[in-house]
Amino acid sequence: MAASFVTLHHVLFLVWFLPIAFSLSFFFFKAESISNVSCNEKDKQALLTLKHGLTDQEHVLSSWSDHKDCCIWDGVFCDKKIGRVSELHLNYLTLGGEISGSLLQLEHLNYLDLSRNDFNCTPIPTFLGSMISLTHLNLFGANFCGLVSHQLGNLSSLRYLSLGNNSDLYVDNLRWMSGLSAIQFLDLGDADLHREVDWLQIMSKFPSLSDLYLYNCQLDSLNPSLGFINFTSLGVLDLSGYHFNHEIPNWFSNLSTSLLWLSLYNNSLKGNIPPSIFNLEKLEYLDLGRNSLNGSIPSSFGNLSHIRSLYLDQNQMNGTIPKSLGLLSKLETLYVGKNSLTGTIDEGHFRKLSKLKDLYMSEAPLFFNVNSNWVPPFQLCYAYMSSIKIGPNFPSWLQSQRSLNILDMSMSGISGKAPVWFWNWTSNITFINLSNNHIECDVSDIFLSSTVKVLNIANNSFYGPISSFLCQKKIRKNKLEVLDASNNLLSGELSHCWKYWQSLIHLNLGSNNLVGGISYSMGALVNLQSLRLQNNSIYGDIPSSLKKCSNLRLIDMGDNHLSIIPLWIGEITNLIVLRLRSSDFKGYIPRQICQLSSLRVLDLANNSLSGSIPNCLKNISAMALPESYDISFSYFMSYSSFYFYAYASYVENVQLAPKGKEMEYKENLKLLRLIDLSSNNLSGSIPTEISDLFELRFLNLSRNHLMGKIPEKIGSMKELESVDLSRNHLSGEIPPSISNLTFLSLLDLSYNNLSGRIPSSTQLQSFDALRYIGNPQLCGDPLPKSCAIEEQSLNKSPIGSVEDDFENSSFYIGMGVGFATGFWAICGALFFNRTWRHAYFRFADEIKDWIYVTTMIKMNLLEKLRVCLSK
């Protein structure tokens, strides 16, 4: 997610936004600019025809009426001298439908902006190429599709053309562009240009071209073999979003006289940064992030004296950071994180960086070593310093940073007490991440500014009653949306002060020392999407007030001491993850769980649930139907209030045991489909309807009292990776369809009453014999028991006669009396002594397994020997 949000970074946002803001401003100030001008009747009728063909759901064109002067209509601007329509600003108006050819009657129209509307993937109207008076045409992000019309090449007066962000546009060639002799600004971003191999030579022939945006255009390469490219006026060049897989070409040095802005972000470029880059002496913005560039950061970067934004993050660069970067006095943004850079960062690296606002150094093995009394020359707004060594002392230089908005110092080796000033030193901060350190702090000392939206202090040593933090009067006007205080030393009962925290979206208080019940007032958290209280000592009922939290996507109350699963759980219809394992739940699994159609993870393992498995689980459509892209799920999993600062995000996580071993799931949770009902007291049969969960990947029903057969159609669940049905009372044969489970990496059917031959498949025979053990009548690979022996024993006739039975009857009667006496002598002692009983049965289980495996191996060898001798 971070990659997609920062693809063009902040400058491109301004390139898009400022023209939009400028256009919208006309709506508010046009009255002053058109005084005493009347609209031409021909133009008015043309506009009314245009309105008739458009869909206007928001009624933004309501001012377009026949009895009004069209020069005062919203979005319409006229030439003051002649009263003819000269500009149409119809951007961001949710318009759709058909663009009428009546626009051709607007003979003096030179400015047409239809950007950020939705024309439902229709082609760009060809008649636009006949509007020869146009100098400005903006169709950015308006959902046009198909071939870009060659007729646009007729617009010889056109200076501005934006077709960007229409992802289904394509060109068959670019030769038609030769007619755009006046073009200055060109945006073809997201259009498919791969059919035109000479794109670079064609683009370089426009003498006035100053801004060129060709991001994500499916180009094959940057033509590194070309030695010279003649862009005489180019100031902005965006060639990001490719898989070039070659080095940066040397022809960039030809742009040295004009280029101010260069983005080669996310291109799979490799090799060292070439010297040609440092010839671009006027460069103000350089983005080489998210490539495969290696080698050290050249000290020649110090020559780029005009640079304001430098992005070198997400590469494979090594070595130390040169101190020449500290000489870039105009530098405002520096991104060097997610590399293999080493060494020490000290005061010299920031000597002249008085304008630095945005610093990203995260995930690089650097040591930030400055004096305790150091006062930086800069005032940061954004400090991303996760996973670099800053501690052990708390960084005192932060106290001077009064403009800080985002602070991420997670996993930075900070230990000891948090200073009192830290919680009250800036009024601008919105994001604080101090997780995974060794910070000690009494939570009653925490003061939150009303601007803070994210507070992540997980995995530290924060202590004290949770209510002393949540019920402070001084923070009752908070706007906190994320609170993660998991894995600390918090204590006491859950607060009754939740009404002061109604902005919360993600709440994680797991793995603390919390006790008592869940407060009824928690139902006030109506915006809550994630509630995690796992691994505490919380007991009692789950309050019905939580059903008011209808936006909940994740509930984790595992490892507590709760009572029953409430029937109203089915009303939380947005729920994606329900983890209630190891929490002493009793009673039945409510059928209302089947109403959770979005559920991807159902984990009720290791409780005392009884009764049968609901046969309505097939109604959970997220486990039954193929996955469709759900953007809301992505936003839920990776929360970010900062659209263009996605490095400052909070990623949800949950501990699950899909194959019996606990694993942490984060972004990959979207791939998971899991049902774990293991280690309960469930009885009855496995519902045949469970076979309809075609998207299920992990199924664990082990350690219950389930009977009957394995569902015959289990093989239709072709996405299954793990199936554990062990330690139940299942009987019958293993269904042949199980051979269809080609993704299966774990199967455990041990300790049941299964019989017959193990079906043949690459997966089934590759599992260890222990996965089938404890089924005496089961045979075939990988078990040592041959199915030939099993079939022979079933076909043998009984030997003996009635007379033999009569003569031996007295023997059996005497044996029965002796057996009863011995039975009660031994079993009586086991019955009344719990320790002896547990030890005996544990010993008996071990002996039984050893005897079974040993006997089967020997019988198999004897059978093979007998067959060999018979030959």
Foldseek 3Di string as FASTA:
>chain_A
DLCVLCQVFDVVVCVVVVVLVVQVVCQVPVCVVQPPAAADPLQLVLVVVQVVQKDQPPCQQVQSDDVDGCCNTGQWHADNPPRATAEGAQEPRQMEGDGDPSVLSSLNHAYYAHAHYEHPQAADDLCVLVNQNHQYYHHEHHQHAEEHHLSVLSNCNHAYDAPAPNQHYEYQECPSVVSPQNYAAYHPENYADQNYLCVQQVVLPRQRHAHYHHENRAHAAPPLVDDEGHNPAYAEYEHEDAQNLEADHLRLLNCQVHYAYYAHEQHQHEEADDPSVLSNQNYAYYAPEQYAYEEADDLSVLSNLNHAEYHPYNYAYEEEDDLSCLNNLNHAYDAHAHYAYEEEDELSSNVRPLNHAYYHHAHYAYAHDYDLPDAGSYQYQYDHHDQYADDCDDRNNVLNRQNHAEDAHANHAHAEEDDLCPQPRYQRYAYDAHDHYAYEDALLSHAHHQNHAEDHHDHYAHEEEPQSNLVDPRCLNHQYAYDAHEHYAYEEEDDLNCLSVQNYAEYAHAHYAYEEEDHLSVLSNLNYAEDHHDQYAYEEEDDPSVLSNLNHAYYHHANYAYEEDDLCPLSSQNHAEYAHDHHQYEEEDHPSVLSNLNYQYAHHAAYAYEEADDLSVLSNNNQQDDDDDDVVVVCSQWPDPPSSPSVRIDGDWDWDQLPPDTDIDTPCSSLGHEDAHYNYAYEEADRLSVCSRLNHAGYHHDHYAYEEADRLNVLSNQNYAEYHHDDYAYEEEHHLSVQNNPNHPYAAHEQYQYADEDHDHPRRQPDDCNSHYNHLRYDDHPALAHVVVSVVVVPDDDDDDPVVCVVCVVVVVVVVVVCVVVCCVPVVVLVVDVVVVVVVVVVVVVVVRVCSRVVSNVVSVVVVVVVVVVD
